[in-house]
């Protein structure tokens, strides 16, 4: 908890300091992945692609895509996802394909 940031115990205080620094980063990452999901869903509908968002795991999206649309979805994903936030550094998007989540890595 953040109240530990005033602890006299250095280990406890340092853990609280790390948590205080990390919280806004994790919150921003959560916002970015939600925006990416909205952008991807919009593009799937706009381009009439036979693909569906199934799952979000941390900073990854899992989609189910018909074989005939895999290449188009692979091309669309980095564009749709990387354009959701205006940052000083680029948002890099990697796309993997497989019959399951493990194969896609």
PDB file of N, CA and C in Angstrom:
ATOM      1  N   UNK A   1       0.817  -1.201   0.000  1.00  0.00           N
ATOM      2  CA  UNK A   1       0.000   0.000   0.000  1.00  0.00           C
ATOM      3  C   UNK A   1       0.857   1.261   0.000  1.00  0.00           C
ATOM      4  N   UNK A   2       0.309   2.322  -0.509  1.00  0.00           N
ATOM      5  CA  UNK A   2       1.056   3.571  -0.617  1.00  0.00           C
ATOM      6  C   UNK A   2       1.369   4.194   0.742  1.00  0.00           C
ATOM      7  N   UNK A   3       0.642   3.817   1.779  1.00  0.00           N
ATOM      8  CA  UNK A   3       0.958   4.379   3.094  1.00  0.00           C
ATOM      9  C   UNK A   3       2.351   3.939   3.536  1.00  0.00           C
ATOM     10  N   UNK A   4       2.830   2.829   2.974  1.00  0.00           N
ATOM     11  CA  UNK A   4       4.168   2.331   3.305  1.00  0.00           C
ATOM     12  C   UNK A   4       5.277   3.208   2.738  1.00  0.00           C
ATOM     13  N   UNK A   5       4.939   4.162   1.915  1.00  0.00           N
ATOM     14  CA  UNK A   5       5.948   5.037   1.318  1.00  0.00           C
ATOM     15  C   UNK A   5       6.649   5.886   2.387  1.00  0.00           C
ATOM     16  N   UNK A   6       6.044   5.995   3.556  1.00  0.00           N
ATOM     17  CA  UNK A   6       6.633   6.753   4.667  1.00  0.00           C
ATOM     18  C   UNK A   6       7.257   5.838   5.723  1.00  0.00           C
ATOM     19  N   UNK A   7       7.357   4.554   5.406  1.00  0.00           N
ATOM     20  CA  UNK A   7       7.898   3.588   6.362  1.00  0.00           C
ATOM     21  C   UNK A   7       9.361   3.885   6.687  1.00  0.00           C
ATOM     22  N   UNK A   8       9.732   3.608   7.902  1.00  0.00           N
ATOM     23  CA  UNK A   8      11.131   3.753   8.312  1.00  0.00           C
ATOM     24  C   UNK A   8      11.951   2.538   7.868  1.00  0.00           C
ATOM     25  N   UNK A   9      11.265   1.453   7.528  1.00  0.00           N
ATOM     26  CA  UNK A   9      11.934   0.253   7.032  1.00  0.00           C
ATOM     27  C   UNK A   9      12.262   0.461   5.555  1.00  0.00           C
ATOM     28  N   UNK A  10      13.552   0.489   5.190  1.00  0.00           N
ATOM     29  CA  UNK A  10      13.935   0.785   3.804  1.00  0.00           C
ATOM     30  C   UNK A  10      13.340  -0.182   2.778  1.00  0.00           C
ATOM     31  N   UNK A  11      13.267  -1.461   3.101  1.00  0.00           N
ATOM     32  CA  UNK A  11      12.721  -2.437   2.146  1.00  0.00           C
ATOM     33  C   UNK A  11      11.252  -2.171   1.863  1.00  0.00           C
ATOM     34  N   UNK A  12      10.506  -1.915   2.915  1.00  0.00           N
ATOM     35  CA  UNK A  12       9.072  -1.639   2.759  1.00  0.00           C
ATOM     36  C   UNK A  12       8.870  -0.326   2.015  1.00  0.00           C
ATOM     37  N   UNK A  13       9.646   0.709   2.381  1.00  0.00           N
ATOM     38  CA  UNK A  13       9.518   2.016   1.728  1.00  0.00           C
ATOM     39  C   UNK A  13       9.862   1.910   0.243  1.00  0.00           C
ATOM     40  N   UNK A  14      10.951   1.204  -0.084  1.00  0.00           N
ATOM     41  CA  UNK A  14      11.369   1.081  -1.484  1.00  0.00           C
ATOM     42  C   UNK A  14      10.343   0.313  -2.310  1.00  0.00           C
ATOM     43  N   UNK A  15       9.734  -0.710  -1.730  1.00  0.00           N
ATOM     44  CA  UNK A  15       8.681  -1.441  -2.445  1.00  0.00           C
ATOM     45  C   UNK A  15       7.499  -0.521  -2.738  1.00  0.00           C
ATOM     46  N   UNK A  16       7.138   0.314  -1.775  1.00  0.00           N
ATOM     47  CA  UNK A  16       6.037   1.265  -1.976  1.00  0.00           C
ATOM     48  C   UNK A  16       6.401   2.310  -3.022  1.00  0.00           C
ATOM     49  N   UNK A  17       7.656   2.748  -3.033  1.00  0.00           N
ATOM     50  CA  UNK A  17       8.101   3.724  -4.042  1.00  0.00           C
ATOM     51  C   UNK A  17       8.022   3.120  -5.442  1.00  0.00           C
ATOM     52  N   UNK A  18       8.443   1.860  -5.571  1.00  0.00           N
ATOM     53  CA  UNK A  18       8.357   1.193  -6.883  1.00  0.00           C
ATOM     54  C   UNK A  18       6.902   1.067  -7.331  1.00  0.00           C
ATOM     55  N   UNK A  19       6.032   0.710  -6.389  1.00  0.00           N
ATOM     56  CA  UNK A  19       4.607   0.583  -6.713  1.00  0.00           C
ATOM     57  C   UNK A  19       4.020   1.926  -7.142  1.00  0.00           C
ATOM     58  N   UNK A  20       4.444   3.000  -6.485  1.00  0.00           N
ATOM     59  CA  UNK A  20       3.939   4.335  -6.823  1.00  0.00           C
ATOM     60  C   UNK A  20       4.364   4.751  -8.225  1.00  0.00           C
ATOM     61  N   UNK A  21       5.570   4.381  -8.607  1.00  0.00           N
ATOM     62  CA  UNK A  21       6.058   4.708  -9.950  1.00  0.00           C
ATOM     63  C   UNK A  21       5.383   3.826 -10.992  1.00  0.00           C
ATOM     64  N   UNK A  22       5.156   2.562 -10.662  1.00  0.00           N
ATOM     65  CA  UNK A  22       4.619   1.601 -11.612  1.00  0.00           C
ATOM     66  C   UNK A  22       3.122   1.781 -11.874  1.00  0.00           C
ATOM     67  N   UNK A  23       2.371   2.247 -10.899  1.00  0.00           N
ATOM     68  CA  UNK A  23       0.913   2.340 -11.025  1.00  0.00           C
ATOM     69  C   UNK A  23       0.449   3.147 -12.235  1.00  0.00           C
ATOM     70  N   UNK A  24       0.984   4.357 -12.474  1.00  0.00           N
ATOM     71  CA  UNK A  24       0.518   5.098 -13.653  1.00  0.00           C
ATOM     72  C   UNK A  24       0.903   4.424 -14.971  1.00  0.00           C
ATOM     73  N   UNK A  25       2.039   3.732 -14.982  1.00  0.00           N
ATOM     74  CA  UNK A  25       2.453   3.037 -16.206  1.00  0.00           C
ATOM     75  C   UNK A  25       1.495   1.902 -16.523  1.00  0.00           C
ATOM     76  N   UNK A  26       1.158   1.114 -15.519  1.00  0.00           N
ATOM     77  CA  UNK A  26       0.228   0.011 -15.742  1.00  0.00           C
ATOM     78  C   UNK A  26      -1.155   0.527 -16.117  1.00  0.00           C
ATOM     79  N   UNK A  27      -1.581   1.612 -15.496  1.00  0.00           N
ATOM     80  CA  UNK A  27      -2.874   2.194 -15.835  1.00  0.00           C
ATOM     81  C   UNK A  27      -2.912   2.692 -17.265  1.00  0.00           C
ATOM     82  N   UNK A  28      -1.822   3.323 -17.703  1.00  0.00           N
ATOM     83  CA  UNK A  28      -1.742   3.807 -19.088  1.00  0.00           C
ATOM     84  C   UNK A  28      -1.735   2.646 -20.067  1.00  0.00           C
ATOM     85  N   UNK A  29      -1.014   1.579 -19.736  1.00  0.00           N
ATOM     86  CA  UNK A  29      -0.977   0.401 -20.609  1.00  0.00           C
ATOM     87  C   UNK A  29      -2.366  -0.212 -20.738  1.00  0.00           C
ATOM     88  N   UNK A  30      -3.107  -0.248 -19.645  1.00  0.00           N
ATOM     89  CA  UNK A  30      -4.468  -0.783 -19.685  1.00  0.00           C
ATOM     90  C   UNK A  30      -5.356   0.072 -20.580  1.00  0.00           C
ATOM     91  N   UNK A  31      -5.201   1.388 -20.493  1.00  0.00           N
ATOM     92  CA  UNK A  31      -5.976   2.285 -21.353  1.00  0.00           C
ATOM     93  C   UNK A  31      -5.624   2.071 -22.820  1.00  0.00           C
ATOM     94  N   UNK A  32      -4.342   1.911 -23.111  1.00  0.00           N
ATOM     95  CA  UNK A  32      -3.895   1.743 -24.495  1.00  0.00           C
ATOM     96  C   UNK A  32      -4.431   0.446 -25.084  1.00  0.00           C
ATOM     97  N   UNK A  33      -4.389  -0.662 -24.345  1.00  0.00           N
ATOM     98  CA  UNK A  33      -4.876  -1.926 -24.902  1.00  0.00           C
ATOM     99  C   UNK A  33      -6.388  -1.864 -25.126  1.00  0.00           C
ATOM    100  N   UNK A  34      -7.112  -1.137 -24.271  1.00  0.00           N
ATOM    101  CA  UNK A  34      -8.555  -0.983 -24.488  1.00  0.00           C
ATOM    102  C   UNK A  34      -8.828  -0.175 -25.755  1.00  0.00           C
ATOM    103  N   UNK A  35      -8.061   0.881 -25.959  1.00  0.00           N
ATOM    104  CA  UNK A  35      -8.207   1.664 -27.195  1.00  0.00           C
ATOM    105  C   UNK A  35      -7.852   0.817 -28.410  1.00  0.00           C
ATOM    106  N   UNK A  36      -6.835  -0.021 -28.274  1.00  0.00           N
ATOM    107  CA  UNK A  36      -6.446  -0.902 -29.378  1.00  0.00           C
ATOM    108  C   UNK A  36      -7.566  -1.884 -29.704  1.00  0.00           C
ATOM    109  N   UNK A  37      -8.217  -2.411 -28.687  1.00  0.00           N
ATOM    110  CA  UNK A  37      -9.329  -3.334 -28.921  1.00  0.00           C
ATOM    111  C   UNK A  37     -10.456  -2.651 -29.689  1.00  0.00           C
ATOM    112  N   UNK A  38     -10.755  -1.426 -29.325  1.00  0.00           N
ATOM    113  CA  UNK A  38     -11.806  -0.674 -30.022  1.00  0.00           C
ATOM    114  C   UNK A  38     -11.411  -0.442 -31.475  1.00  0.00           C
ATOM    115  N   UNK A  39     -10.148  -0.060 -31.701  1.00  0.00           N
ATOM    116  CA  UNK A  39      -9.674   0.208 -33.063  1.00  0.00           C
ATOM    117  C   UNK A  39      -9.680  -1.057 -33.911  1.00  0.00           C
ATOM    118  N   UNK A  40      -9.235  -2.160 -33.341  1.00  0.00           N
ATOM    119  CA  UNK A  40      -9.209  -3.426 -34.083  1.00  0.00           C
ATOM    120  C   UNK A  40     -10.626  -3.863 -34.419  1.00  0.00           C
ATOM    121  N   UNK A  41     -11.516  -3.808 -33.455  1.00  0.00           N
ATOM    122  CA  UNK A  41     -12.900  -4.206 -33.707  1.00  0.00           C
ATOM    123  C   UNK A  41     -13.528  -3.353 -34.807  1.00  0.00           C
ATOM    124  N   UNK A  42     -13.262  -2.059 -34.780  1.00  0.00           N
ATOM    125  CA  UNK A  42     -13.798  -1.166 -35.815  1.00  0.00           C
ATOM    126  C   UNK A  42     -13.265  -1.542 -37.192  1.00  0.00           C
ATOM    127  N   UNK A  43     -11.973  -1.853 -37.278  1.00  0.00           N
ATOM    128  CA  UNK A  43     -11.389  -2.221 -38.571  1.00  0.00           C
ATOM    129  C   UNK A  43     -11.904  -3.573 -39.065  1.00  0.00           C
ATOM    130  N   UNK A  44     -12.098  -4.512 -38.155  1.00  0.00           N
ATOM    131  CA  UNK A  44     -12.653  -5.810 -38.555  1.00  0.00           C
ATOM    132  C   UNK A  44     -14.021  -5.619 -39.197  1.00  0.00           C
ATOM    133  N   UNK A  45     -14.825  -4.752 -38.602  1.00  0.00           N
ATOM    134  CA  UNK A  45     -16.162  -4.491 -39.146  1.00  0.00           C
ATOM    135  C   UNK A  45     -16.089  -3.693 -40.440  1.00  0.00           C
ATOM    136  N   UNK A  46     -15.263  -2.645 -40.450  1.00  0.00           N
ATOM    137  CA  UNK A  46     -15.145  -1.788 -41.628  1.00  0.00           C
ATOM    138  C   UNK A  46     -14.665  -2.576 -42.842  1.00  0.00           C
ATOM    139  N   UNK A  47     -13.675  -3.437 -42.632  1.00  0.00           N
ATOM    140  CA  UNK A  47     -13.107  -4.212 -43.737  1.00  0.00           C
ATOM    141  C   UNK A  47     -13.854  -5.527 -43.969  1.00  0.00           C
ATOM    142  N   UNK A  48     -14.909  -5.743 -43.201  1.00  0.00           N
ATOM    143  CA  UNK A  48     -15.737  -6.944 -43.307  1.00  0.00           C
ATOM    144  C   UNK A  48     -14.883  -8.214 -43.278  1.00  0.00           C
ATOM    145  N   UNK A  49     -14.005  -8.267 -42.286  1.00  0.00           N
ATOM    146  CA  UNK A  49     -13.130  -9.418 -42.123  1.00  0.00           C
ATOM    147  C   UNK A  49     -13.809 -10.447 -41.225  1.00  0.00           C
ATOM    148  N   UNK A  50     -13.696 -11.691 -41.601  1.00  0.00           N
ATOM    149  CA  UNK A  50     -14.289 -12.770 -40.819  1.00  0.00           C
ATOM    150  C   UNK A  50     -13.321 -13.130 -39.693  1.00  0.00           C
ATOM    151  N   UNK A  51     -13.305 -12.273 -38.686  1.00  0.00           N
ATOM    152  CA  UNK A  51     -12.393 -12.423 -37.558  1.00  0.00           C
ATOM    153  C   UNK A  51     -13.048 -11.812 -36.328  1.00  0.00           C
ATOM    154  N   UNK A  52     -12.693 -12.359 -35.166  1.00  0.00           N
ATOM    155  CA  UNK A  52     -13.331 -11.925 -33.931  1.00  0.00           C
ATOM    156  C   UNK A  52     -12.311 -11.821 -32.808  1.00  0.00           C
ATOM    157  N   UNK A  53     -12.422 -10.760 -32.029  1.00  0.00           N
ATOM    158  CA  UNK A  53     -11.615 -10.646 -30.820  1.00  0.00           C
ATOM    159  C   UNK A  53     -12.135 -11.667 -29.815  1.00  0.00           C
ATOM    160  N   UNK A  54     -11.250 -12.505 -29.316  1.00  0.00           N
ATOM    161  CA  UNK A  54     -11.650 -13.511 -28.340  1.00  0.00           C
ATOM    162  C   UNK A  54     -11.232 -13.167 -26.921  1.00  0.00           C
ATOM    163  N   UNK A  55     -10.024 -12.593 -26.808  1.00  0.00           N
ATOM    164  CA  UNK A  55      -9.425 -12.508 -25.485  1.00  0.00           C
ATOM    165  C   UNK A  55      -8.359 -11.432 -25.448  1.00  0.00           C
ATOM    166  N   UNK A  56      -8.233 -10.807 -24.302  1.00  0.00           N
ATOM    167  CA  UNK A  56      -7.122  -9.890 -24.050  1.00  0.00           C
ATOM    168  C   UNK A  56      -6.342 -10.454 -22.881  1.00  0.00           C
ATOM    169  N   UNK A  57      -5.030 -10.626 -23.064  1.00  0.00           N
ATOM    170  CA  UNK A  57      -4.150 -11.121 -22.005  1.00  0.00           C
ATOM    171  C   UNK A  57      -3.027 -10.107 -21.845  1.00  0.00           C
ATOM    172  N   UNK A  58      -3.068  -9.333 -20.780  1.00  0.00           N
ATOM    173  CA  UNK A  58      -2.083  -8.278 -20.518  1.00  0.00           C
ATOM    174  C   UNK A  58      -2.006  -7.328 -21.710  1.00  0.00           C
ATOM    175  N   UNK A  59      -0.926  -7.387 -22.482  1.00  0.00           N
ATOM    176  CA  UNK A  59      -0.775  -6.474 -23.624  1.00  0.00           C
ATOM    177  C   UNK A  59      -0.979  -7.199 -24.950  1.00  0.00           C
ATOM    178  N   UNK A  60      -1.672  -8.318 -24.923  1.00  0.00           N
ATOM    179  CA  UNK A  60      -1.901  -9.103 -26.136  1.00  0.00           C
ATOM    180  C   UNK A  60      -3.387  -9.245 -26.418  1.00  0.00           C
ATOM    181  N   UNK A  61      -3.692  -9.320 -27.705  1.00  0.00           N
ATOM    182  CA  UNK A  61      -5.050  -9.620 -28.135  1.00  0.00           C
ATOM    183  C   UNK A  61      -5.034 -10.967 -28.843  1.00  0.00           C
ATOM    184  N   UNK A  62      -6.051 -11.763 -28.593  1.00  0.00           N
ATOM    185  CA  UNK A  62      -6.200 -13.055 -29.253  1.00  0.00           C
ATOM    186  C   UNK A  62      -7.439 -12.964 -30.130  1.00  0.00           C
ATOM    187  N   UNK A  63      -7.257 -13.295 -31.402  1.00  0.00           N
ATOM    188  CA  UNK A  63      -8.358 -13.245 -32.353  1.00  0.00           C
ATOM    189  C   UNK A  63      -8.563 -14.611 -32.980  1.00  0.00           C
ATOM    190  N   UNK A  64      -9.783 -14.871 -33.385  1.00  0.00           N
ATOM    191  CA  UNK A  64     -10.085 -16.036 -34.210  1.00  0.00           C
ATOM    192  C   UNK A  64     -10.338 -15.498 -35.611  1.00  0.00           C
ATOM    193  N   UNK A  65      -9.583 -16.024 -36.578  1.00  0.00           N
ATOM    194  CA  UNK A  65      -9.621 -15.487 -37.936  1.00  0.00           C
ATOM    195  C   UNK A  65      -9.802 -16.634 -38.924  1.00  0.00           C
ATOM    196  N   UNK A  66     -10.732 -16.473 -39.846  1.00  0.00           N
ATOM    197  CA  UNK A  66     -10.884 -17.458 -40.919  1.00  0.00           C
ATOM    198  C   UNK A  66      -9.611 -17.470 -41.760  1.00  0.00           C
ATOM    199  N   UNK A  67      -9.221 -18.647 -42.208  1.00  0.00           N
ATOM    200  CA  UNK A  67      -7.963 -18.800 -42.951  1.00  0.00           C
ATOM    201  C   UNK A  67      -7.832 -17.823 -44.107  1.00  0.00           C
ATOM    202  N   UNK A  68      -8.909 -17.587 -44.824  1.00  0.00           N
ATOM    203  CA  UNK A  68      -8.826 -16.721 -46.006  1.00  0.00           C
ATOM    204  C   UNK A  68      -8.606 -15.247 -45.652  1.00  0.00           C
ATOM    205  N   UNK A  69      -8.750 -14.877 -44.390  1.00  0.00           N
ATOM    206  CA  UNK A  69      -8.563 -13.482 -43.983  1.00  0.00           C
ATOM    207  C   UNK A  69      -7.319 -13.257 -43.127  1.00  0.00           C
ATOM    208  N   UNK A  70      -6.543 -14.304 -42.894  1.00  0.00           N
ATOM    209  CA  UNK A  70      -5.381 -14.194 -42.005  1.00  0.00           C
ATOM    210  C   UNK A  70      -4.411 -13.118 -42.476  1.00  0.00           C
ATOM    211  N   UNK A  71      -4.057 -13.111 -43.740  1.00  0.00           N
ATOM    212  CA  UNK A  71      -3.062 -12.145 -44.234  1.00  0.00           C
ATOM    213  C   UNK A  71      -3.568 -10.712 -44.119  1.00  0.00           C
ATOM    214  N   UNK A  72      -4.838 -10.493 -44.406  1.00  0.00           N
ATOM    215  CA  UNK A  72      -5.392  -9.138 -44.290  1.00  0.00           C
ATOM    216  C   UNK A  72      -5.429  -8.674 -42.837  1.00  0.00           C
ATOM    217  N   UNK A  73      -5.779  -9.571 -41.931  1.00  0.00           N
ATOM    218  CA  UNK A  73      -5.808  -9.219 -40.509  1.00  0.00           C
ATOM    219  C   UNK A  73      -4.392  -8.958 -40.009  1.00  0.00           C
ATOM    220  N   UNK A  74      -3.441  -9.789 -40.436  1.00  0.00           N
ATOM    221  CA  UNK A  74      -2.040  -9.574 -40.045  1.00  0.00           C
ATOM    222  C   UNK A  74      -1.548  -8.202 -40.484  1.00  0.00           C
ATOM    223  N   UNK A  75      -1.953  -7.757 -41.638  1.00  0.00           N
ATOM    224  CA  UNK A  75      -1.540  -6.443 -42.142  1.00  0.00           C
ATOM    225  C   UNK A  75      -2.258  -5.310 -41.408  1.00  0.00           C
ATOM    226  N   UNK A  76      -3.508  -5.524 -41.053  1.00  0.00           N
ATOM    227  CA  UNK A  76      -4.308  -4.486 -40.406  1.00  0.00           C
ATOM    228  C   UNK A  76      -3.929  -4.259 -38.953  1.00  0.00           C
ATOM    229  N   UNK A  77      -3.629  -5.322 -38.218  1.00  0.00           N
ATOM    230  CA  UNK A  77      -3.414  -5.217 -36.768  1.00  0.00           C
ATOM    231  C   UNK A  77      -2.354  -4.199 -36.357  1.00  0.00           C
ATOM    232  N   UNK A  78      -1.142  -4.238 -36.909  1.00  0.00           N
ATOM    233  CA  UNK A  78      -0.138  -3.259 -36.467  1.00  0.00           C
ATOM    234  C   UNK A  78      -0.551  -1.812 -36.727  1.00  0.00           C
ATOM    235  N   UNK A  79      -1.220  -1.586 -37.832  1.00  0.00           N
ATOM    236  CA  UNK A  79      -1.651  -0.227 -38.167  1.00  0.00           C
ATOM    237  C   UNK A  79      -2.727   0.237 -37.188  1.00  0.00           C
ATOM    238  N   UNK A  80      -3.725  -0.601 -36.971  1.00  0.00           N
ATOM    239  CA  UNK A  80      -4.827  -0.232 -36.075  1.00  0.00           C
ATOM    240  C   UNK A  80      -4.352  -0.064 -34.638  1.00  0.00           C
ATOM    241  N   UNK A  81      -3.516  -0.968 -34.181  1.00  0.00           N
ATOM    242  CA  UNK A  81      -3.102  -0.941 -32.774  1.00  0.00           C
ATOM    243  C   UNK A  81      -2.080   0.147 -32.474  1.00  0.00           C
ATOM    244  N   UNK A  82      -1.140   0.371 -33.372  1.00  0.00           N
ATOM    245  CA  UNK A  82      -0.072   1.335 -33.076  1.00  0.00           C
ATOM    246  C   UNK A  82      -0.543   2.779 -33.190  1.00  0.00           C
ATOM    247  N   UNK A  83      -1.691   3.001 -33.796  1.00  0.00           N
ATOM    248  CA  UNK A  83      -2.178   4.361 -33.978  1.00  0.00           C
ATOM    249  C   UNK A  83      -3.096   4.871 -32.884  1.00  0.00           C
ATOM    250  N   UNK A  84      -3.239   4.127 -31.794  1.00  0.00           N
ATOM    251  CA  UNK A  84      -4.230   4.518 -30.782  1.00  0.00           C
ATOM    252  C   UNK A  84      -3.723   5.521 -29.755  1.00  0.00           C
ATOM    253  N   UNK A  85      -2.416   5.697 -29.667  1.00  0.00           N
ATOM    254  CA  UNK A  85      -1.870   6.630 -28.670  1.00  0.00           C
ATOM    255  C   UNK A  85      -0.745   7.434 -29.297  1.00  0.00           C
ATOM    256  N   UNK A  86      -0.741   8.714 -29.026  1.00  0.00           N
ATOM    257  CA  UNK A  86       0.308   9.598 -29.528  1.00  0.00           C
ATOM    258  C   UNK A  86       1.385   9.700 -28.453  1.00  0.00           C
ATOM    259  N   UNK A  87       2.434   8.901 -28.609  1.00  0.00           N
ATOM    260  CA  UNK A  87       3.495   8.837 -27.613  1.00  0.00           C
ATOM    261  C   UNK A  87       4.812   9.312 -28.207  1.00  0.00           C
ATOM    262  N   UNK A  88       5.762   9.598 -27.341  1.00  0.00           N
ATOM    263  CA  UNK A  88       7.096  10.011 -27.790  1.00  0.00           C
ATOM    264  C   UNK A  88       7.887   8.833 -28.347  1.00  0.00           C
ATOM    265  N   UNK A  89       7.460   7.628 -28.036  1.00  0.00           N
ATOM    266  CA  UNK A  89       8.103   6.414 -28.549  1.00  0.00           C
ATOM    267  C   UNK A  89       7.068   5.628 -29.348  1.00  0.00           C
ATOM    268  N   UNK A  90       7.515   4.858 -30.328  1.00  0.00           N
ATOM    269  CA  UNK A  90       6.543   4.105 -31.126  1.00  0.00           C
ATOM    270  C   UNK A  90       5.939   2.944 -30.338  1.00  0.00           C
ATOM    271  N   UNK A  91       4.691   2.628 -30.636  1.00  0.00           N
ATOM    272  CA  UNK A  91       4.064   1.422 -30.112  1.00  0.00           C
ATOM    273  C   UNK A  91       4.358   0.310 -31.110  1.00  0.00           C
ATOM    274  N   UNK A  92       5.124  -0.659 -30.694  1.00  0.00           N
ATOM    275  CA  UNK A  92       5.482  -1.763 -31.576  1.00  0.00           C
ATOM    276  C   UNK A  92       4.455  -2.872 -31.435  1.00  0.00           C
ATOM    277  N   UNK A  93       4.041  -3.419 -32.562  1.00  0.00           N
ATOM    278  CA  UNK A  93       3.042  -4.485 -32.572  1.00  0.00           C
ATOM    279  C   UNK A  93       3.623  -5.673 -33.316  1.00  0.00           C
ATOM    280  N   UNK A  94       3.632  -6.817 -32.659  1.00  0.00           N
ATOM    281  CA  UNK A  94       4.057  -8.064 -33.287  1.00  0.00           C
ATOM    282  C   UNK A  94       2.826  -8.936 -33.470  1.00  0.00           C
ATOM    283  N   UNK A  95       2.745  -9.607 -34.612  1.00  0.00           N
ATOM    284  CA  UNK A  95       1.604 -10.467 -34.902  1.00  0.00           C
ATOM    285  C   UNK A  95       2.104 -11.895 -35.061  1.00  0.00           C
ATOM    286  N   UNK A  96       1.483 -12.797 -34.345  1.00  0.00           N
ATOM    287  CA  UNK A  96       1.790 -14.216 -34.471  1.00  0.00           C
ATOM    288  C   UNK A  96       0.550 -14.958 -34.923  1.00  0.00           C
ATOM    289  N   UNK A  97       0.758 -16.059 -35.622  1.00  0.00           N
ATOM    290  CA  UNK A  97      -0.360 -16.850 -36.135  1.00  0.00           C
ATOM    291  C   UNK A  97      -0.160 -18.300 -35.707  1.00  0.00           C
ATOM    292  N   UNK A  98      -1.228 -18.918 -35.260  1.00  0.00           N
ATOM    293  CA  UNK A  98      -1.172 -20.323 -34.890  1.00  0.00           C
ATOM    294  C   UNK A  98      -2.563 -20.843 -34.619  1.00  0.00           C
ATOM    295  N   UNK A  99      -2.646 -22.152 -34.464  1.00  0.00           N
ATOM    296  CA  UNK A  99      -3.942 -22.767 -34.170  1.00  0.00           C
ATOM    297  C   UNK A  99      -4.355 -22.540 -32.722  1.00  0.00           C
ATOM    298  N   UNK A 100      -3.381 -22.123 -31.892  1.00  0.00           N
ATOM    299  CA  UNK A 100      -3.667 -21.805 -30.498  1.00  0.00           C
ATOM    300  C   UNK A 100      -2.702 -20.714 -30.045  1.00  0.00           C
ATOM    301  N   UNK A 101      -2.898 -20.237 -28.823  1.00  0.00           N
ATOM    302  CA  UNK A 101      -2.104 -19.119 -28.301  1.00  0.00           C
ATOM    303  C   UNK A 101      -0.629 -19.482 -28.252  1.00  0.00           C
ATOM    304  N   UNK A 102      -0.320 -20.701 -27.840  1.00  0.00           N
ATOM    305  CA  UNK A 102       1.071 -21.131 -27.737  1.00  0.00           C
ATOM    306  C   UNK A 102       1.751 -21.119 -29.108  1.00  0.00           C
ATOM    307  N   UNK A 103       1.095 -21.625 -30.115  1.00  0.00           N
ATOM    308  CA  UNK A 103       1.672 -21.652 -31.470  1.00  0.00           C
ATOM    309  C   UNK A 103       1.906 -20.248 -32.016  1.00  0.00           C
ATOM    310  N   UNK A 104       1.108 -19.308 -31.606  1.00  0.00           N
ATOM    311  CA  UNK A 104       1.217 -17.942 -32.131  1.00  0.00           C
ATOM    312  C   UNK A 104       2.412 -17.196 -31.559  1.00  0.00           C
ATOM    313  N   UNK A 105       3.060 -17.759 -30.562  1.00  0.00           N
ATOM    314  CA  UNK A 105       4.225 -17.101 -29.965  1.00  0.00           C
ATOM    315  C   UNK A 105       5.468 -17.565 -30.633  1.00  0.00           C
TER     316      UNK A 105
END
